Protein backbone atom coordinates (compact mmCIF):
# COMPACT_ATOMS: atom_id res chain seq x y z
CA MET A 1 -19.68 -54.57 176.74
CA THR A 2 -18.03 -51.88 174.64
CA MET A 3 -15.07 -52.67 172.45
CA ARG A 4 -12.85 -50.39 174.52
CA LEU A 5 -13.71 -52.23 177.78
CA PHE A 6 -13.22 -55.54 176.04
CA THR A 7 -9.90 -54.49 174.86
CA LEU A 8 -8.94 -53.54 178.43
CA ILE A 9 -10.14 -56.88 179.73
CA LEU A 10 -8.15 -58.71 177.11
CA ALA A 11 -4.98 -56.64 177.81
CA THR A 12 -5.26 -57.61 181.45
CA LEU A 13 -5.88 -61.24 180.49
CA LEU A 14 -2.69 -61.23 178.43
CA LEU A 15 -0.44 -59.86 181.12
CA PRO A 16 2.39 -62.37 181.93
CA ILE A 17 1.57 -64.72 184.71
CA THR A 18 3.99 -64.28 187.67
CA SER A 19 3.17 -67.38 189.54
CA PHE A 20 2.38 -70.82 188.15
CA ALA A 21 2.17 -72.37 191.64
CA GLN A 22 -1.42 -71.22 192.17
CA GLU A 23 -4.26 -73.65 191.68
CA ARG A 24 -5.13 -73.68 188.02
CA TYR A 25 -8.63 -72.28 188.53
CA GLY A 26 -7.83 -69.76 191.21
CA GLU A 27 -6.23 -69.21 194.55
CA THR A 28 -9.36 -69.55 196.68
CA GLU A 29 -12.14 -72.02 196.61
CA ASP A 30 -14.70 -69.14 195.55
CA GLN A 31 -12.43 -68.23 192.71
CA GLN A 32 -12.11 -71.76 191.53
CA LEU A 33 -15.87 -72.30 191.71
CA LEU A 34 -16.63 -69.10 189.79
CA CYS A 35 -14.05 -69.99 187.17
CA LYS A 36 -15.30 -73.52 186.59
CA GLU A 37 -18.81 -72.30 186.37
CA ALA A 38 -17.91 -69.51 183.89
CA ILE A 39 -16.06 -72.01 181.70
CA SER A 40 -18.87 -74.47 181.76
CA VAL A 41 -21.40 -71.81 180.74
CA TYR A 42 -19.39 -70.42 177.71
CA ARG A 43 -18.57 -73.89 176.52
CA SER A 44 -22.14 -75.04 176.58
CA TYR A 45 -23.09 -72.21 174.21
CA LYS A 46 -20.03 -73.09 172.04
CA LYS A 47 -21.25 -76.76 171.81
CA GLN A 48 -24.61 -75.36 170.56
CA LYS A 49 -22.61 -73.23 168.08
CA ASN A 50 -24.12 -70.08 169.44
CA TYR A 51 -20.85 -68.33 169.21
CA ASP A 52 -22.28 -64.81 169.83
CA GLU A 53 -23.58 -65.73 173.28
CA ALA A 54 -20.56 -68.02 173.97
CA PHE A 55 -18.39 -64.99 173.18
CA ILE A 56 -20.22 -62.87 175.88
CA GLN A 57 -19.84 -65.63 178.38
CA TRP A 58 -16.24 -66.27 177.40
CA LYS A 59 -15.36 -62.71 178.35
CA LYS A 60 -16.85 -63.29 181.72
CA ALA A 61 -14.67 -66.38 182.16
CA CYS A 62 -11.75 -64.21 181.28
CA ASN A 63 -12.60 -61.88 184.15
CA VAL A 64 -12.62 -64.62 186.77
CA CYS A 65 -10.18 -67.20 185.52
CA PRO A 66 -6.35 -67.39 185.66
CA LEU A 67 -5.03 -67.67 182.12
CA THR A 68 -3.40 -70.98 183.02
CA ALA A 69 -6.81 -72.50 184.00
CA THR A 70 -7.13 -74.30 180.74
CA GLU A 71 -5.66 -73.98 177.21
CA ASN A 72 -9.24 -74.00 175.94
CA ILE A 73 -9.65 -70.39 177.10
CA LEU A 74 -7.05 -69.25 174.64
CA ARG A 75 -8.08 -71.68 171.91
CA ASP A 76 -11.80 -70.83 172.10
CA GLY A 77 -11.09 -67.16 172.28
CA VAL A 78 -9.55 -67.28 168.72
CA THR A 79 -12.66 -69.13 167.57
CA PHE A 80 -14.99 -66.45 168.94
CA LEU A 81 -12.85 -63.59 167.75
CA ASN A 82 -12.60 -65.02 164.21
CA ASN A 83 -16.40 -65.22 164.34
CA GLN A 84 -16.59 -61.65 165.42
CA LEU A 85 -14.24 -60.67 162.50
CA LYS A 86 -16.61 -62.23 160.02
CA SER A 87 -19.48 -59.96 161.11
CA THR A 88 -17.87 -56.52 161.18
CA GLU A 89 -16.74 -54.23 158.33
CA ASP A 90 -15.41 -51.50 160.56
CA ASP A 91 -11.67 -51.20 159.86
CA ALA A 92 -10.66 -50.06 163.39
CA ARG A 93 -12.65 -52.79 164.96
CA ARG A 94 -11.29 -55.47 162.55
CA ALA A 95 -7.76 -54.33 163.33
CA SER A 96 -8.38 -54.51 167.07
CA ILE A 97 -9.88 -58.02 166.81
CA THR A 98 -7.10 -59.16 164.53
CA ASP A 99 -4.42 -58.00 166.99
CA SER A 100 -6.27 -59.79 169.82
CA ILE A 101 -6.36 -63.03 167.83
CA PHE A 102 -2.57 -63.08 167.37
CA GLU A 103 -1.97 -62.11 170.96
CA LEU A 104 -3.98 -65.14 172.07
CA TYR A 105 -1.94 -67.30 169.76
CA ASP A 106 1.35 -65.93 171.22
CA GLN A 107 0.10 -66.30 174.79
CA ARG A 108 -0.96 -69.83 174.13
CA MET A 109 2.48 -70.75 172.71
CA GLU A 110 4.14 -69.12 175.81
CA LEU A 111 1.97 -70.75 178.45
CA PHE A 112 1.33 -74.09 176.81
CA PRO A 113 4.47 -74.95 174.86
CA SER A 114 4.02 -78.62 175.62
CA THR A 115 1.14 -80.81 176.60
CA LYS A 116 0.85 -84.51 177.49
CA LYS A 117 -0.79 -85.25 174.14
CA TYR A 118 1.23 -82.92 172.04
CA PRO A 119 4.93 -82.52 173.10
CA LYS A 120 5.51 -79.75 170.56
CA ASN A 121 2.23 -77.94 171.20
CA ASN A 122 3.78 -74.64 170.43
CA CYS A 123 4.75 -75.60 167.01
CA MET A 124 1.23 -76.75 166.29
CA VAL A 125 -0.16 -73.47 167.61
CA LEU A 126 2.29 -71.60 165.42
CA ALA A 127 1.00 -73.44 162.35
CA GLN A 128 -2.48 -72.46 163.26
CA LYS A 129 -1.44 -68.87 163.68
CA GLY A 130 0.19 -68.97 160.23
CA MET A 131 -2.90 -70.31 158.66
CA ASP A 132 -5.08 -67.65 160.37
CA HIS A 133 -2.62 -65.03 159.25
CA TYR A 134 -3.14 -66.06 155.61
CA LYS A 135 -6.89 -66.37 156.00
CA ILE A 136 -7.10 -62.80 157.43
CA PHE A 137 -4.54 -61.02 155.34
CA LYS A 138 -4.83 -63.04 152.19
CA LYS A 139 -2.06 -62.68 149.45
CA PRO A 140 -0.50 -59.48 151.03
CA GLY A 141 0.23 -61.51 154.12
CA ALA A 142 1.50 -64.61 152.32
CA ALA A 143 5.19 -63.95 153.11
CA GLU A 144 4.64 -63.68 156.91
CA ALA A 145 2.37 -66.58 156.88
CA THR A 146 4.86 -68.67 155.02
CA ALA A 147 7.53 -67.94 157.54
CA MET A 148 5.29 -69.12 160.41
CA LEU A 149 4.27 -72.35 158.57
CA LYS A 150 7.82 -73.08 157.54
CA GLU A 151 8.98 -72.85 161.15
CA SER A 152 6.20 -75.02 162.34
CA ILE A 153 6.76 -77.62 159.75
CA GLU A 154 10.52 -77.82 160.32
CA CYS A 155 9.70 -78.22 164.08
CA LEU A 156 7.01 -80.82 163.74
CA GLY A 157 8.50 -82.68 160.70
CA ALA A 158 11.67 -83.43 162.58
CA ASP A 159 9.97 -86.18 164.46
CA THR A 160 7.83 -88.71 162.57
CA ALA A 161 6.19 -89.93 165.71
CA ILE A 162 4.97 -86.43 166.44
CA THR A 163 3.61 -85.81 163.00
CA ARG A 164 1.75 -89.06 163.12
CA ALA A 165 0.10 -87.98 166.28
CA ILE A 166 -1.09 -84.64 164.83
CA PRO A 167 -4.70 -84.63 163.74
CA ALA A 168 -4.92 -85.26 160.01
CA ALA A 169 -7.27 -82.29 159.59
CA LEU A 170 -4.60 -79.94 160.88
CA TRP A 171 -1.46 -81.39 159.46
CA SER A 172 -2.82 -81.95 155.90
CA LYS A 173 -4.04 -78.27 155.90
CA VAL A 174 -0.78 -76.98 157.26
CA LEU A 175 1.23 -78.65 154.37
CA SER A 176 -1.03 -77.51 151.63
CA THR A 177 -1.45 -74.02 153.04
CA TYR A 178 2.30 -73.64 153.32
CA TYR A 179 2.80 -74.41 149.63
CA VAL A 180 0.06 -72.05 148.57
CA THR A 181 1.41 -69.22 150.71
CA SER A 182 4.96 -69.94 149.40
CA PHE A 183 3.65 -69.55 145.87
CA TYR A 184 2.16 -66.09 146.47
CA ALA A 185 5.05 -65.05 148.56
CA MET A 186 7.42 -65.96 145.74
CA LYS A 187 5.22 -64.13 143.20
CA ALA A 188 5.59 -60.97 145.36
CA ILE A 189 9.38 -61.04 145.32
CA GLU A 190 10.63 -58.23 143.01
CA ASP A 191 14.29 -59.27 142.83
CA ASP A 192 14.64 -61.82 140.04
CA ALA A 193 17.56 -63.61 141.41
CA THR A 194 15.85 -63.90 144.80
CA ALA A 195 12.68 -65.14 143.17
CA ARG A 196 14.56 -67.77 141.18
CA GLU A 197 16.24 -68.91 144.35
CA ARG A 198 12.83 -69.32 146.10
CA LEU A 199 11.48 -71.09 143.12
CA GLY A 200 14.42 -73.72 143.39
CA GLU A 201 13.59 -74.15 147.12
CA MET A 202 9.91 -74.72 146.31
CA LEU A 203 10.60 -77.38 143.73
CA THR A 204 12.58 -79.42 146.28
CA GLU A 205 10.24 -78.65 149.06
CA TYR A 206 7.50 -80.23 147.01
CA LEU A 207 9.10 -83.62 147.57
CA MET A 208 9.26 -83.13 151.34
CA LEU A 209 5.65 -82.14 151.52
CA ILE A 210 4.49 -85.07 149.37
CA ALA A 211 6.50 -87.47 151.71
CA PHE A 212 4.72 -86.11 154.66
CA ILE A 213 1.32 -86.57 152.73
CA GLU A 214 2.27 -90.15 151.73
CA ASP A 215 3.21 -90.99 155.37
CA GLY A 216 -0.10 -89.59 156.58
CA VAL A 217 -2.06 -91.72 153.97
CA ALA A 218 -0.14 -94.81 155.18
CA VAL A 219 -1.05 -94.09 158.68
CA ALA A 220 -4.70 -93.50 157.77
CA ALA A 221 -4.68 -96.88 155.98
CA ALA A 222 -3.04 -98.70 158.89
CA THR A 223 -5.57 -97.28 161.33
CA ALA A 224 -8.59 -97.70 159.16
CA LYS A 225 -9.43 -94.01 158.97
CA PRO A 226 -10.57 -93.42 155.38
CA LYS A 227 -11.65 -89.79 156.09
CA ASP A 228 -8.11 -88.94 157.22
CA ALA A 229 -6.84 -90.38 153.90
CA GLU A 230 -9.28 -88.18 152.03
CA LYS A 231 -7.96 -85.05 153.90
CA TYR A 232 -4.36 -85.97 152.85
CA GLU A 233 -5.40 -86.71 149.30
CA LYS A 234 -7.16 -83.25 149.13
CA ALA A 235 -4.08 -81.57 150.47
CA LYS A 236 -1.96 -83.46 147.86
CA SER A 237 -4.19 -82.17 145.06
CA ASN A 238 -3.82 -78.60 146.28
CA ILE A 239 -0.04 -78.93 146.48
CA ASP A 240 -0.05 -80.55 142.97
CA LYS A 241 -1.90 -77.66 141.56
CA VAL A 242 0.80 -75.17 142.75
CA PHE A 243 3.63 -77.56 141.63
CA ILE A 244 2.21 -77.78 138.20
CA ALA A 245 1.91 -74.07 138.06
CA ILE A 246 5.58 -73.53 138.81
CA ALA A 247 7.16 -76.70 137.43
CA ASN A 248 7.41 -76.91 133.67
CA CYS A 249 10.66 -78.22 132.22
CA GLU A 250 11.63 -75.00 130.51
CA ASP A 251 11.56 -73.05 133.85
CA MET A 252 12.63 -75.92 136.12
CA VAL A 253 15.86 -77.09 134.41
CA PRO A 254 17.75 -73.75 134.50
CA VAL A 255 16.79 -73.19 138.21
CA LEU A 256 17.73 -76.70 139.17
CA SER A 257 20.99 -76.51 137.18
CA GLU A 258 21.97 -73.42 139.14
CA LYS A 259 21.19 -75.10 142.50
CA VAL A 260 23.21 -78.22 141.59
CA ALA A 261 26.20 -76.13 140.24
CA ALA A 262 26.19 -73.97 143.49
CA ASP A 263 26.29 -77.02 145.70
CA THR A 264 27.92 -79.87 143.70
CA ALA A 265 28.77 -81.98 146.77
CA ASN A 266 25.05 -82.00 147.94
CA PHE A 267 24.05 -85.59 147.21
CA GLU A 268 20.57 -85.18 148.81
CA LEU A 269 19.92 -82.22 146.51
CA LYS A 270 20.87 -84.26 143.49
CA LYS A 271 18.52 -87.08 144.54
CA LYS A 272 15.61 -84.61 144.81
CA VAL A 273 16.52 -83.02 141.49
CA LEU A 274 16.47 -86.47 139.80
CA ARG A 275 13.06 -87.30 141.28
CA LEU A 276 11.70 -83.95 140.08
CA LEU A 277 13.11 -84.39 136.55
CA ASN A 278 11.72 -87.91 136.39
CA GLN A 279 8.25 -86.89 137.80
CA LYS A 280 7.94 -84.12 135.15
CA ASP A 281 9.49 -86.18 132.49
CA CYS A 282 12.13 -83.51 131.97
CA THR A 283 14.71 -85.82 130.47
CA ASP A 284 15.72 -84.09 127.25
CA ASN A 285 18.27 -81.70 128.71
CA ASP A 286 21.96 -81.48 129.70
CA LEU A 287 21.21 -81.73 133.45
CA TYR A 288 19.38 -85.06 133.53
CA LEU A 289 22.10 -87.59 132.61
CA PRO A 290 24.89 -86.16 134.72
CA VAL A 291 22.62 -85.95 137.87
CA ALA A 292 21.30 -89.57 137.16
CA GLU A 293 24.86 -90.85 136.90
CA ALA A 294 26.03 -89.05 139.97
CA VAL A 295 23.12 -90.34 142.03
CA HIS A 296 23.50 -93.80 140.73
CA ALA A 297 27.29 -93.94 141.44
CA GLN A 298 26.85 -93.16 145.09
CA GLU A 299 23.53 -94.89 145.71
CA PRO A 300 22.51 -97.21 143.05
CA SER A 301 18.73 -97.62 142.70
CA HIS A 302 16.24 -98.90 140.23
CA PRO A 303 14.98 -95.35 139.26
CA SER A 304 18.53 -93.91 138.62
CA ALA A 305 19.57 -97.14 136.67
CA PHE A 306 16.46 -97.02 134.55
CA ALA A 307 16.99 -93.24 134.00
CA ILE A 308 20.47 -93.80 132.77
CA GLY A 309 19.57 -96.75 130.65
CA GLY A 310 16.80 -94.72 128.94
CA GLU A 311 19.21 -91.91 128.16
CA GLN A 312 21.72 -94.30 126.68
CA ALA A 313 18.99 -95.79 124.54
CA LYS A 314 18.04 -92.50 123.15
CA VAL A 315 21.52 -92.02 121.71
CA GLU A 316 21.41 -95.63 120.48
CA ASN A 317 24.07 -96.89 122.85
CA PHE A 318 22.03 -100.04 123.36
CA SER A 319 24.85 -102.12 125.02
CA GLU A 320 25.18 -99.55 127.89
CA ALA A 321 21.39 -99.10 127.86
CA LEU A 322 20.87 -102.84 128.42
CA ARG A 323 23.50 -103.00 131.20
CA TYR A 324 21.60 -100.27 133.14
CA MET A 325 18.15 -101.54 132.47
CA GLU A 326 19.08 -104.98 133.72
CA GLN A 327 20.46 -103.20 136.94
CA ALA A 328 17.12 -101.55 137.20
CA VAL A 329 15.31 -104.87 137.02
CA GLU A 330 17.76 -106.52 139.61
CA LEU A 331 17.37 -103.52 142.01
CA CYS A 332 13.62 -103.26 141.62
CA GLY A 333 12.72 -106.36 143.67
CA ASP A 334 8.93 -106.19 143.92
CA CYS A 335 8.66 -102.47 143.11
CA ALA A 336 5.64 -101.09 141.33
CA GLU A 337 7.64 -100.32 138.23
CA MET A 338 8.71 -103.91 137.51
CA GLU A 339 6.43 -104.48 134.53
CA MET A 340 7.65 -101.25 132.85
CA TYR A 341 11.30 -102.12 133.51
CA LEU A 342 10.98 -105.63 132.18
CA LEU A 343 9.26 -104.44 129.00
CA LYS A 344 11.81 -101.71 128.32
CA THR A 345 14.71 -104.11 128.92
CA GLY A 346 13.32 -106.60 126.55
CA LYS A 347 12.93 -103.86 123.90
CA VAL A 348 16.54 -102.85 124.24
CA ALA A 349 17.65 -106.53 124.07
CA SER A 350 15.54 -106.90 120.86
CA PHE A 351 17.37 -103.85 119.25
CA LEU A 352 20.73 -105.65 120.13
CA GLY A 353 19.48 -108.81 118.38
CA LYS A 354 19.49 -110.70 121.62
CA THR A 355 16.18 -112.40 120.73
CA SER A 356 16.06 -115.10 123.39
CA THR A 357 16.77 -112.37 126.06
CA ALA A 358 14.12 -110.23 124.64
CA ARG A 359 11.62 -113.09 124.71
CA SER A 360 12.51 -113.95 128.26
CA TYR A 361 11.77 -110.43 129.51
CA ALA A 362 8.48 -110.53 127.64
CA GLN A 363 7.50 -113.72 129.22
CA LYS A 364 8.18 -112.22 132.66
CA VAL A 365 5.96 -109.30 131.75
CA LEU A 366 3.21 -111.77 130.97
CA ALA A 367 3.69 -113.50 134.25
CA ILE A 368 2.90 -110.12 135.95
CA ASN A 369 0.17 -108.96 133.31
CA GLY A 370 -1.14 -111.67 131.14
CA GLU A 371 -2.90 -109.00 128.99
CA SER A 372 0.05 -107.04 127.97
CA ALA A 373 -0.17 -106.28 124.32
CA ASP A 374 3.31 -104.83 124.45
CA ALA A 375 4.78 -108.14 125.70
CA PHE A 376 3.05 -110.07 122.90
CA MET A 377 4.30 -107.74 120.34
CA LEU A 378 7.85 -107.98 121.85
CA ILE A 379 7.69 -111.76 121.49
CA GLY A 380 6.56 -111.34 117.91
CA ASP A 381 9.52 -109.13 117.25
CA ALA A 382 11.89 -111.69 118.84
CA ILE A 383 10.64 -114.48 116.64
CA ALA A 384 10.49 -112.44 113.47
CA GLY A 385 13.97 -111.04 114.12
CA ALA A 386 15.52 -114.56 114.43
CA ALA A 387 13.39 -116.27 111.80
CA SER A 388 16.35 -117.00 109.64
CA ASN A 389 17.70 -119.19 112.45
CA CYS A 390 14.61 -121.48 111.95
CA ASP A 391 15.51 -122.32 108.30
CA ASP A 392 15.46 -126.16 107.91
CA GLY A 393 15.58 -126.13 104.14
CA ALA A 394 11.65 -126.54 104.03
CA LEU A 395 9.10 -124.34 105.83
CA GLY A 396 11.04 -123.63 109.01
CA LYS A 397 11.65 -120.01 108.34
CA ARG A 398 8.22 -119.42 107.01
CA LEU A 399 6.63 -121.00 110.12
CA ALA A 400 8.59 -118.67 112.31
CA TYR A 401 6.89 -115.68 110.52
CA LEU A 402 3.57 -117.46 111.01
CA ARG A 403 4.31 -117.79 114.69
CA ALA A 404 5.47 -114.20 115.07
CA CYS A 405 2.21 -113.10 113.57
CA ASP A 406 0.29 -115.25 116.12
CA TYR A 407 1.72 -112.93 118.69
CA TYR A 408 1.14 -109.83 116.71
CA GLN A 409 -2.53 -110.78 116.45
CA ARG A 410 -2.76 -111.23 120.20
CA ALA A 411 -1.24 -107.73 120.56
CA VAL A 412 -3.95 -106.43 118.13
CA ASN A 413 -6.66 -108.11 120.31
CA LYS A 414 -5.37 -106.96 123.56
CA GLY A 415 -3.91 -103.58 122.88
CA ASP A 416 -5.29 -100.07 123.00
CA GLU A 417 -5.90 -98.22 119.74
CA GLU A 418 -2.24 -97.07 119.48
CA THR A 419 -0.65 -100.29 120.35
CA ALA A 420 -3.12 -102.30 118.18
CA ALA A 421 -2.24 -100.09 115.17
CA LYS A 422 1.47 -100.78 115.59
CA ALA A 423 0.88 -104.46 115.98
CA ARG A 424 -1.41 -104.58 112.95
CA LYS A 425 1.36 -102.91 110.82
CA LYS A 426 3.88 -105.47 112.01
CA LEU A 427 1.44 -108.25 111.28
CA ASN A 428 0.77 -107.01 107.74
CA SER A 429 4.39 -106.54 107.05
CA ASN A 430 5.45 -110.08 108.32
CA SER A 431 2.62 -111.73 106.67
CA LYS A 432 4.35 -111.17 103.33
CA GLN A 433 6.75 -113.88 104.51
CA PHE A 434 4.12 -116.57 104.92
CA PRO A 435 4.62 -119.67 102.72
CA SER A 436 3.03 -119.90 99.33
CA VAL A 437 0.48 -122.39 98.22
CA GLU A 438 3.18 -124.25 96.19
CA GLU A 439 5.44 -124.47 99.38
CA ILE A 440 2.87 -125.92 101.62
CA PHE A 441 1.72 -128.33 98.85
CA THR A 442 5.37 -129.53 98.48
CA VAL A 443 5.42 -130.66 102.13
CA GLY A 444 1.95 -132.17 101.93
CA LYS A 445 0.13 -129.54 104.00
CA SER A 446 -2.98 -127.38 103.47
CA VAL A 447 -4.13 -123.95 104.77
CA GLY A 448 -5.59 -124.34 108.22
CA ASN A 449 -3.46 -127.40 109.15
CA GLU A 450 -1.71 -127.20 112.54
CA ILE A 451 2.03 -127.62 112.37
CA THR A 452 4.90 -127.87 114.80
CA ILE A 453 7.89 -125.70 114.15
CA PRO A 454 11.07 -127.91 113.78
CA PRO A 455 13.46 -127.96 116.82
CA ILE A 456 16.45 -125.98 115.60
CA ALA A 457 19.21 -124.48 117.63
CA GLY A 458 18.90 -120.74 117.69
CA CYS A 459 15.31 -120.76 116.51
CA PRO A 460 13.31 -118.79 119.14
CA CYS A 461 10.05 -120.68 118.57
CA SER A 462 11.31 -124.26 118.17
CA GLY A 463 8.74 -126.86 119.06
CA GLU A 464 5.87 -124.38 119.14
CA LYS A 465 2.72 -124.92 117.08
CA THR A 466 1.08 -122.62 114.63
CA THR A 467 -1.57 -122.76 111.95
CA ILE A 468 -0.67 -122.67 108.23
CA ARG A 469 -1.67 -119.61 106.27
CA VAL A 470 -0.35 -118.45 103.02
CA ARG A 471 0.73 -115.06 101.62
């Protein structure tokens, strides 16, 4: 069949259907039989992946079947035409095939906007059209592809039940392709102000896309479909690559500052901005603290409380820092960040000289992670910081330093290279406060003896045991 003849057939195929009351395979029994046979023949070749022969037989089916016979005629037509596109270099023929591909997509959306399985079938088809548009036209077609994908995501993403029913292979690819096309479309914008505005949108859109990805991973886990989870993780990786390319603190902060300033009452925007700043650790700027405080005031949460506490600690406002850190711990519940929150809160308490509070937080860390070198070091700091409270006129104060160094040694043993080095430095410094040989002789003790620290009010290690060493 010549290309001209095929084009005429396709044009006829795509004419609007005037009557939907006819039997789906044809008005007469003969038409119905011919249609079903034609469909069966081309699909048998398709199953064998013999797309060239399937394409020939598909065109025959197009001649005898109503367009409403089955959505597969339109869907499979796109597959066959894409296969034809791969095998031709002729520009005129490529243009004709490309037009036909998008006409099939449009007709499919018109005739099959909703199906029993997919209530928003038209939105799914639009997504597929957008991805094909980008695949065919590459970067020059990014803006148009982005518009299609954006519309489809807004349509599908509005209903969680629908997005969960979409095949993972399709939905994950739609999400990642949208972010990639958005990037190239933004790069093509010549007006700087417009480009900056689009960059701001992409930064906040990242959170929306990742939320969809996380939901997909959760569904995959709940339904025991590890391959679906892999598809979502791959999509996340592709989205993250784009995000990293556009999201450095130096560029992010001015853009996000402008967005917040232009829409100061937009609480959801501030929440997204705070999450972005936290995620990229962009905290050393004039935007971070005001946004964190605004979010926390309206919707207290452990991330916002922790963020504010961290900022207050940076300027050595430790009382306020401790207040917010303790809020973070309280609001956290069983959140994944609990160990970090407890440790940071304990450190702030230690700076304030609240040694018993610091040690209490360290013990809570050890209840979660018994190997935490930082927690052992924090307990050592708490004991050493209050060693003077253990003075009983004999060895009490010296024993407190011994006990502090017991914990520093544990930190050395358990920590990574950096943490072990810090703990070793503290151990060496505090070992200068060990008792002398004369002092232990005076109380009738020898090096290596186990000794109990006297129970004294305010002494953070009262009643604990240590081993006598000398300086």
